[in-house]
């Protein structure tokens, strides 16, 4: 009996020990799960904090707190691990805001120096956060204007505060907005100010520039605004001018040369079409894109098509352009921006991997044998730079 009791007691002890071990293993597993969950929550919280800071500076209005906000956003981004950076997501925020490599910002000159002198040429652009494009395209125009006007100080302003903030936060480069540039001119006692917009047309951006400048006419003895790239808008889609002809020839020649063709006609013989993608606008100046297509047709460029990201005018939508290129019988397509800079629209809306990019839509259609892209802005083309110089010269007298 004692032997039986001893055996039973031993069994109870073993069972107790086994149950105890089971509880210990379960506890460790729960603790690990809890720790992992806590770590994931901490990562998400850190990423969300940065996303919120990015969204706060992704605005079109500058305030006295903007510079400090930009610095804070970058400082908090730099604290994140690579895994945390991948989690950054907000209304406008994503990992590319700070993480995308767009070239070396140190090669760019923001042209925000004082000691201007009495004569200034202010080159006003929408702007781009793509460093290489800003240096080559906008910088190319600015340098050309400076070289042709040795007696003038050339300065820069951007109209897109969102872009100014992006560059300031990511690269620490400060670019004046229009108001800041005009205040700088007043502070430096500029007597004669010529403003050269790099905008494509007399659209909404140009109208806003004219409105901003109006407030400073009593503060500066002489202020004149030069023509945008494509000159006067004109009454209808058939109204063209010398500026539109110059740009049409320049961009088509540049595209054909880069693709290895003698000219547009040579490309057409080899079944290749050029599609130039502009931005598009709901402004009445949208007729400019129709005029550019008219200009291409008048020059005999039957394999050149003008489209827009916004699809305004309607016939310039990607869907419409694909139909037009197919109807014309071309099997090879080269996409290139009809924009001063090869920035976000060129890299993403035109040549990006997303389903709605023009490159993706042309591929999805399945009608084309070969589709290439050229990521180059108008500002890098010498004949376009010369046209800006001529527009500046027309008012810098």
Protein backbone atom coordinates (compact mmCIF):
# COMPACT_ATOMS: atom_id res chain seq x y z
CA UNK A 1 0.00 0.00 0.00
CA UNK A 2 2.80 2.36 0.91
CA UNK A 3 4.49 1.43 -2.38
CA UNK A 4 1.29 2.26 -4.27
CA UNK A 5 0.96 5.56 -2.40
CA UNK A 6 4.57 6.36 -3.16
CA UNK A 7 4.00 5.69 -6.84
CA UNK A 8 0.85 7.82 -6.82
CA UNK A 9 2.63 10.69 -5.06
CA UNK A 10 5.49 10.51 -7.54
CA UNK A 11 2.97 10.72 -10.34
CA UNK A 12 1.35 13.76 -8.81
CA UNK A 13 4.73 15.45 -8.44
CA UNK A 14 5.61 14.71 -12.08
CA UNK A 15 2.26 16.05 -13.25
CA UNK A 16 2.70 19.16 -11.15
CA UNK A 17 6.15 19.65 -12.56
CA UNK A 18 4.85 19.19 -16.09
CA UNK A 19 2.02 21.66 -15.54
CA UNK A 20 4.48 24.13 -14.06
CA UNK A 21 6.75 23.80 -17.08
CA UNK A 22 3.79 24.28 -19.38
CA UNK A 23 2.81 27.52 -17.67
CA UNK A 24 6.37 28.80 -17.89
CA UNK A 25 6.58 28.15 -21.66
CA UNK A 26 3.19 29.76 -22.24
CA UNK A 27 4.22 32.78 -20.21
CA UNK A 28 7.42 33.23 -22.17
CA UNK A 29 5.49 32.98 -25.45
CA UNK A 30 2.94 35.54 -24.31
CA UNK A 31 5.70 37.87 -23.16
CA UNK A 32 7.44 37.57 -26.56
CA UNK A 33 4.19 38.27 -28.39
CA UNK A 34 3.49 41.23 -26.16
CA UNK A 35 7.01 42.57 -26.69
CA UNK A 36 6.73 42.14 -30.47
CA UNK A 37 3.37 43.87 -30.50
CA UNK A 38 4.72 46.70 -28.38
CA UNK A 39 7.69 47.12 -30.75
CA UNK A 40 5.42 47.23 -33.81
CA UNK A 41 3.24 49.85 -32.14
CA UNK A 42 6.30 51.93 -31.28
CA UNK A 43 7.53 51.72 -34.89
CA UNK A 44 4.13 52.79 -36.19
CA UNK A 45 3.93 55.66 -33.72
CA UNK A 46 7.37 56.95 -34.72
CA UNK A 47 6.48 56.73 -38.43
CA UNK A 48 3.11 58.41 -37.87
CA UNK A 49 4.81 61.29 -36.05
CA UNK A 50 7.03 61.97 -39.07
CA UNK A 51 4.09 61.61 -41.46
CA UNK A 52 2.20 64.23 -39.49
CA UNK A 53 5.20 66.59 -39.61
CA UNK A 54 5.53 66.13 -43.37
CA UNK A 55 1.83 66.80 -43.92
CA UNK A 56 2.19 69.99 -41.87
CA UNK A 57 4.77 71.40 -44.31
CA UNK A 58 3.06 70.04 -47.43
CA UNK A 59 1.18 73.33 -47.78
CA UNK A 60 1.16 76.25 -50.17
CA UNK A 61 1.29 78.98 -47.51
CA UNK A 62 4.53 80.13 -45.87
CA UNK A 63 4.42 81.15 -42.21
CA UNK A 64 7.02 82.33 -39.72
CA UNK A 65 7.11 78.76 -38.36
CA UNK A 66 7.74 77.05 -41.71
CA UNK A 67 11.53 76.85 -41.50
CA UNK A 68 11.47 75.43 -37.98
CA UNK A 69 8.82 72.89 -39.03
CA UNK A 70 10.97 71.78 -41.96
CA UNK A 71 13.98 71.26 -39.68
CA UNK A 72 11.90 69.31 -37.16
CA UNK A 73 10.47 67.01 -39.83
CA UNK A 74 13.95 66.16 -41.14
CA UNK A 75 15.38 65.66 -37.63
CA UNK A 76 12.62 63.21 -36.73
CA UNK A 77 13.01 61.39 -40.06
CA UNK A 78 16.72 60.94 -39.41
CA UNK A 79 15.92 59.25 -36.08
CA UNK A 80 13.88 56.51 -37.77
CA UNK A 81 15.20 53.06 -38.55
CA UNK A 82 14.95 51.86 -42.14
CA UNK A 83 11.98 49.69 -41.16
CA UNK A 84 10.24 52.66 -39.57
CA UNK A 85 10.87 54.87 -42.62
CA UNK A 86 9.03 52.36 -44.79
CA UNK A 87 5.95 52.83 -42.59
CA UNK A 88 5.68 56.60 -43.11
CA UNK A 89 2.28 57.29 -44.65
CA UNK A 90 0.02 60.32 -44.37
CA UNK A 91 -2.31 62.45 -46.42
CA UNK A 92 0.67 63.49 -48.58
CA UNK A 93 3.56 61.92 -46.71
CA UNK A 94 5.40 58.80 -47.86
CA UNK A 95 8.95 57.38 -47.60
CA UNK A 96 9.98 59.13 -50.85
CA UNK A 97 9.55 62.60 -49.34
CA UNK A 98 12.94 62.33 -47.67
CA UNK A 99 14.16 59.01 -49.04
CA UNK A 100 14.05 59.41 -52.82
CA UNK A 101 17.37 60.21 -54.49
CA UNK A 102 16.76 63.01 -57.02
CA UNK A 103 20.36 64.14 -57.48
CA UNK A 104 22.91 66.30 -55.69
CA UNK A 105 21.32 69.47 -54.28
CA UNK A 106 24.74 71.02 -53.65
CA UNK A 107 25.16 71.52 -57.40
CA UNK A 108 22.19 73.90 -57.46
CA UNK A 109 22.39 77.64 -56.85
CA UNK A 110 19.25 79.04 -55.17
CA UNK A 111 20.20 82.58 -56.31
CA UNK A 112 18.92 84.12 -53.08
CA UNK A 113 21.90 86.41 -52.47
CA UNK A 114 21.60 90.04 -51.44
CA UNK A 115 23.91 92.77 -52.85
CA UNK A 116 21.76 92.79 -55.95
CA UNK A 117 22.44 96.26 -57.29
CA UNK A 118 19.96 98.55 -59.02
CA UNK A 119 19.07 96.21 -61.91
CA UNK A 120 17.63 92.76 -61.31
CA UNK A 121 16.18 89.98 -63.44
CA UNK A 122 14.00 87.73 -61.31
CA UNK A 123 13.46 84.32 -62.92
CA UNK A 124 10.18 82.91 -61.57
CA UNK A 125 9.46 79.18 -61.90
CA UNK A 126 6.87 76.81 -60.51
CA UNK A 127 9.78 74.79 -59.17
CA UNK A 128 10.76 71.14 -58.70
CA UNK A 129 12.14 69.07 -55.84
CA UNK A 130 14.08 66.91 -58.32
CA UNK A 131 17.58 68.25 -57.75
CA UNK A 132 19.15 67.24 -61.06
CA UNK A 133 16.27 68.67 -63.08
CA UNK A 134 16.28 71.87 -61.05
CA UNK A 135 19.99 72.31 -61.76
CA UNK A 136 19.82 71.44 -65.46
CA UNK A 137 16.44 72.80 -66.51
CA UNK A 138 15.69 75.81 -64.32
CA UNK A 139 19.37 76.45 -63.70
CA UNK A 140 20.05 76.20 -67.43
CA UNK A 141 17.55 78.97 -68.19
CA UNK A 142 18.86 81.15 -65.36
CA UNK A 143 22.47 80.76 -66.49
CA UNK A 144 21.56 81.58 -70.09
CA UNK A 145 19.77 84.76 -69.00
CA UNK A 146 22.68 85.74 -66.73
CA UNK A 147 25.22 85.22 -69.53
CA UNK A 148 23.23 87.47 -71.86
CA UNK A 149 22.75 90.25 -69.29
CA UNK A 150 26.12 91.05 -67.72
CA UNK A 151 24.92 94.32 -66.21
CA UNK A 152 22.08 92.69 -64.29
CA UNK A 153 21.85 90.56 -61.15
CA UNK A 154 19.85 87.38 -61.76
CA UNK A 155 17.82 85.95 -58.89
CA UNK A 156 15.33 83.09 -58.45
CA UNK A 157 11.82 82.63 -57.06
CA UNK A 158 9.47 79.64 -57.03
CA UNK A 159 5.68 79.89 -56.92
CA UNK A 160 5.12 76.46 -55.32
CA UNK A 161 5.63 76.76 -51.56
CA UNK A 162 5.09 73.01 -51.24
CA UNK A 163 8.19 72.45 -53.34
CA UNK A 164 10.18 75.16 -51.54
CA UNK A 165 9.37 73.46 -48.23
CA UNK A 166 10.32 70.04 -49.57
CA UNK A 167 13.73 71.24 -50.71
CA UNK A 168 14.32 73.16 -47.46
CA UNK A 169 13.38 70.18 -45.29
CA UNK A 170 15.23 67.50 -47.22
CA UNK A 171 18.32 69.36 -48.45
CA UNK A 172 18.54 72.49 -46.30
CA UNK A 173 18.42 74.69 -49.42
CA UNK A 174 16.41 77.88 -49.09
CA UNK A 175 14.64 79.20 -52.21
CA UNK A 176 12.63 82.43 -52.15
CA UNK A 177 8.95 82.42 -52.92
CA UNK A 178 7.71 85.34 -55.04
CA UNK A 179 6.88 87.60 -52.11
CA UNK A 180 10.23 86.93 -50.43
CA UNK A 181 12.09 87.66 -53.68
CA UNK A 182 10.21 90.91 -54.19
CA UNK A 183 10.88 91.94 -50.59
CA UNK A 184 14.56 91.15 -51.17
CA UNK A 185 14.53 93.45 -54.21
CA UNK A 186 12.97 96.27 -52.18
CA UNK A 187 15.44 95.76 -49.32
CA UNK A 188 18.34 95.94 -51.78
CA UNK A 189 17.03 99.16 -53.36
CA UNK A 190 16.51 97.65 -56.80
CA UNK A 191 15.40 100.39 -59.19
CA UNK A 192 14.71 98.33 -62.31
CA UNK A 193 13.19 94.88 -62.01
CA UNK A 194 12.46 92.55 -64.92
CA UNK A 195 10.55 89.38 -64.11
CA UNK A 196 11.00 86.44 -66.47
CA UNK A 197 8.51 83.64 -65.79
CA UNK A 198 9.55 80.21 -66.99
CA UNK A 199 5.89 79.18 -67.12
CA UNK A 200 4.72 77.63 -70.36
CA UNK A 201 1.77 79.95 -70.95
CA UNK A 202 -0.48 82.75 -69.72
CA UNK A 203 -2.25 80.39 -67.32
CA UNK A 204 -3.27 80.46 -63.66
CA UNK A 205 0.33 80.59 -62.40
CA UNK A 206 1.08 83.56 -64.62
CA UNK A 207 -2.08 85.36 -63.48
CA UNK A 208 -1.13 84.84 -59.83
CA UNK A 209 2.35 86.22 -60.54
CA UNK A 210 0.92 89.37 -62.13
CA UNK A 211 -1.34 89.85 -59.12
CA UNK A 212 1.55 89.46 -56.66
CA UNK A 213 3.75 91.91 -58.58
CA UNK A 214 1.02 94.54 -58.67
CA UNK A 215 1.46 95.14 -54.92
CA UNK A 216 5.10 96.15 -55.43
CA UNK A 217 4.77 98.64 -58.26
CA UNK A 218 4.78 101.53 -55.79
CA UNK A 219 7.93 100.20 -54.09
CA UNK A 220 10.16 99.72 -57.13
CA UNK A 221 10.63 102.41 -59.79
CA UNK A 222 10.26 100.06 -62.77
CA UNK A 223 8.80 96.55 -62.86
CA UNK A 224 8.17 94.69 -66.11
CA UNK A 225 7.01 91.12 -66.67
CA UNK A 226 8.32 89.32 -69.75
CA UNK A 227 6.38 86.79 -71.83
CA UNK A 228 6.10 83.14 -70.76
CA UNK A 229 7.64 80.53 -73.06
CA UNK A 230 4.85 80.11 -75.63
CA UNK A 231 3.89 83.79 -75.84
CA UNK A 232 0.35 85.08 -76.33
CA UNK A 233 -2.45 82.55 -76.04
CA UNK A 234 -4.52 83.45 -79.10
CA UNK A 235 -8.24 83.17 -79.76
CA UNK A 236 -8.63 79.53 -80.78
CA UNK A 237 -6.85 76.26 -81.45
CA UNK A 238 -5.51 77.43 -84.80
CA UNK A 239 -3.79 80.54 -83.41
CA UNK A 240 -0.04 79.99 -83.45
CA UNK A 241 2.99 82.25 -83.23
CA UNK A 242 6.75 82.29 -83.66
CA UNK A 243 7.34 81.23 -80.04
CA UNK A 244 5.25 78.08 -80.45
CA UNK A 245 7.06 77.30 -83.69
CA UNK A 246 10.45 77.68 -82.02
CA UNK A 247 9.50 75.38 -79.15
CA UNK A 248 7.85 72.82 -81.45
CA UNK A 249 10.99 72.58 -83.58
CA UNK A 250 13.33 72.55 -80.59
CA UNK A 251 11.64 69.76 -78.63
CA UNK A 252 11.01 67.59 -81.70
CA UNK A 253 14.62 67.93 -82.84
CA UNK A 254 15.88 67.14 -79.32
CA UNK A 255 13.63 64.07 -79.04
CA UNK A 256 14.57 62.73 -82.47
CA UNK A 257 18.29 63.28 -81.91
CA UNK A 258 18.27 61.59 -78.51
CA UNK A 259 16.44 58.61 -79.99
CA UNK A 260 19.02 58.27 -82.77
CA UNK A 261 16.94 59.60 -85.68
CA UNK A 262 17.97 62.27 -88.19
CA UNK A 263 14.70 64.12 -87.64
CA UNK A 264 10.97 63.60 -87.13
CA UNK A 265 10.47 62.40 -90.70
CA UNK A 266 13.16 59.74 -90.26
CA UNK A 267 11.44 58.55 -87.09
CA UNK A 268 8.08 58.40 -88.88
CA UNK A 269 9.54 56.23 -91.64
CA UNK A 270 10.70 53.82 -88.96
CA UNK A 271 7.26 53.68 -87.37
CA UNK A 272 8.02 55.87 -84.36
CA UNK A 273 5.75 58.50 -82.84
CA UNK A 274 6.68 61.18 -80.31
CA UNK A 275 4.21 61.97 -77.54
CA UNK A 276 4.88 65.20 -75.66
CA UNK A 277 3.07 65.27 -72.32
CA UNK A 278 2.20 68.67 -70.84
CA UNK A 279 0.49 69.40 -67.54
CA UNK A 280 -2.93 70.55 -68.71
CA UNK A 281 -5.17 73.14 -67.10
CA UNK A 282 -8.80 74.15 -66.64
CA UNK A 283 -7.74 77.78 -67.26
CA UNK A 284 -8.84 79.33 -70.55
CA UNK A 285 -5.20 79.12 -71.64
CA UNK A 286 -5.66 75.36 -72.12
CA UNK A 287 -6.22 76.12 -75.80
CA UNK A 288 -2.42 76.53 -75.92
CA UNK A 289 -2.02 72.74 -76.04
CA UNK A 290 -4.38 72.52 -79.00
CA UNK A 291 -2.37 75.29 -80.66
CA UNK A 292 0.85 73.35 -80.09
CA UNK A 293 -0.71 70.35 -81.84
CA UNK A 294 -1.75 72.66 -84.69
CA UNK A 295 1.81 73.94 -84.84
CA UNK A 296 3.21 70.40 -85.02
CA UNK A 297 0.80 69.58 -87.84
CA UNK A 298 1.68 72.74 -89.75
CA UNK A 299 5.37 71.85 -89.52
CA UNK A 300 4.62 68.46 -91.08
CA UNK A 301 5.29 66.49 -87.89
CA UNK A 302 2.57 63.90 -88.53
CA UNK A 303 4.09 61.56 -85.93
CA UNK A 304 4.04 64.11 -83.08
CA UNK A 305 1.18 64.15 -80.55
CA UNK A 306 0.57 66.63 -77.71
CA UNK A 307 -1.10 65.34 -74.54
CA UNK A 308 -1.61 66.48 -70.93
CA UNK A 309 -1.60 64.85 -67.50
CA UNK A 310 -4.86 66.54 -66.54
CA UNK A 311 -6.57 65.69 -69.81
CA UNK A 312 -7.60 69.28 -70.38
CA UNK A 313 -8.34 69.96 -73.23
CA UNK A 314 -10.20 66.63 -73.59
CA UNK A 315 -8.43 65.57 -76.75
CA UNK A 316 -5.13 65.66 -74.86
CA UNK A 317 -5.99 62.91 -72.36
CA UNK A 318 -3.82 59.80 -72.35
CA UNK A 319 -6.70 57.68 -73.61
CA UNK A 320 -7.29 60.07 -76.52
CA UNK A 321 -3.60 60.20 -77.40
CA UNK A 322 -3.31 56.40 -77.41
CA UNK A 323 -6.25 56.21 -79.83
CA UNK A 324 -4.71 58.88 -82.06
CA UNK A 325 -1.31 57.18 -82.18
CA UNK A 326 -2.93 53.82 -82.99
CA UNK A 327 -5.12 55.36 -85.68
CA UNK A 328 -2.04 56.88 -87.27
CA UNK A 329 -0.45 53.42 -87.43
CA UNK A 330 2.67 53.91 -85.32
CA UNK A 331 3.97 50.88 -83.42
CA UNK A 332 6.85 52.53 -81.55
CA UNK A 333 6.34 55.39 -79.11
CA UNK A 334 8.66 57.82 -77.34
CA UNK A 335 7.20 59.71 -74.38
CA UNK A 336 8.74 63.03 -73.39
CA UNK A 337 7.54 65.91 -71.13
CA UNK A 338 6.29 69.16 -72.63
CA UNK A 339 7.33 70.88 -69.42
CA UNK A 340 10.17 73.20 -68.45
CA UNK A 341 11.40 70.71 -65.84
CA UNK A 342 11.53 66.93 -65.83
CA UNK A 343 10.24 66.65 -62.28
CA UNK A 344 7.52 64.69 -60.54
CA UNK A 345 5.12 64.64 -63.50
CA UNK A 346 7.80 63.41 -65.90
CA UNK A 347 9.25 60.79 -63.55
CA UNK A 348 5.97 59.53 -62.10
CA UNK A 349 2.91 60.52 -64.17
CA UNK A 350 4.71 59.89 -67.45
CA UNK A 351 7.42 57.29 -66.82
CA UNK A 352 6.41 55.78 -63.45
CA UNK A 353 5.51 52.19 -62.58
CA UNK A 354 2.00 52.92 -61.28
CA UNK A 355 -0.95 51.63 -63.32
CA UNK A 356 -2.10 55.15 -64.22
CA UNK A 357 1.23 56.40 -65.57
CA UNK A 358 1.35 57.07 -69.30
CA UNK A 359 4.04 54.44 -69.77
CA UNK A 360 1.88 51.83 -68.02
CA UNK A 361 -1.24 52.80 -69.97
CA UNK A 362 0.55 52.59 -73.33
CA UNK A 363 1.93 49.17 -72.35
CA UNK A 364 -1.44 47.94 -71.12
CA UNK A 365 -3.09 48.86 -74.41
CA UNK A 366 -0.98 46.17 -76.08
CA UNK A 367 -0.89 47.85 -79.49
CA UNK A 368 2.71 48.99 -79.43
CA UNK A 369 5.93 47.10 -80.06
CA UNK A 370 8.28 49.48 -78.23
CA UNK A 371 7.67 52.29 -75.74
CA UNK A 372 10.53 54.47 -74.52
CA UNK A 373 10.72 57.54 -72.29
CA UNK A 374 12.98 60.59 -72.31
CA UNK A 375 13.22 62.28 -68.91
CA UNK A 376 14.36 65.74 -70.04
CA UNK A 377 12.78 69.13 -69.50
CA UNK A 378 12.45 71.97 -72.00
CA UNK A 379 14.79 74.10 -69.90
CA UNK A 380 17.78 71.98 -70.87
CA UNK A 381 17.32 72.66 -74.61
CA UNK A 382 19.55 75.46 -75.89
CA UNK A 383 17.02 76.91 -78.34
CA UNK A 384 14.44 77.10 -75.55
CA UNK A 385 16.96 78.90 -73.33
CA UNK A 386 17.59 81.35 -76.18
CA UNK A 387 13.87 82.03 -76.45
CA UNK A 388 13.69 82.95 -72.76
CA UNK A 389 16.70 85.22 -73.27
CA UNK A 390 14.88 86.93 -76.16
CA UNK A 391 11.75 87.43 -74.05
CA UNK A 392 13.84 88.99 -71.29
CA UNK A 393 15.64 91.23 -73.75
CA UNK A 394 12.32 92.49 -75.11
CA UNK A 395 11.57 94.22 -71.80
CA UNK A 396 15.06 94.72 -70.30
CA UNK A 397 15.77 98.01 -72.08
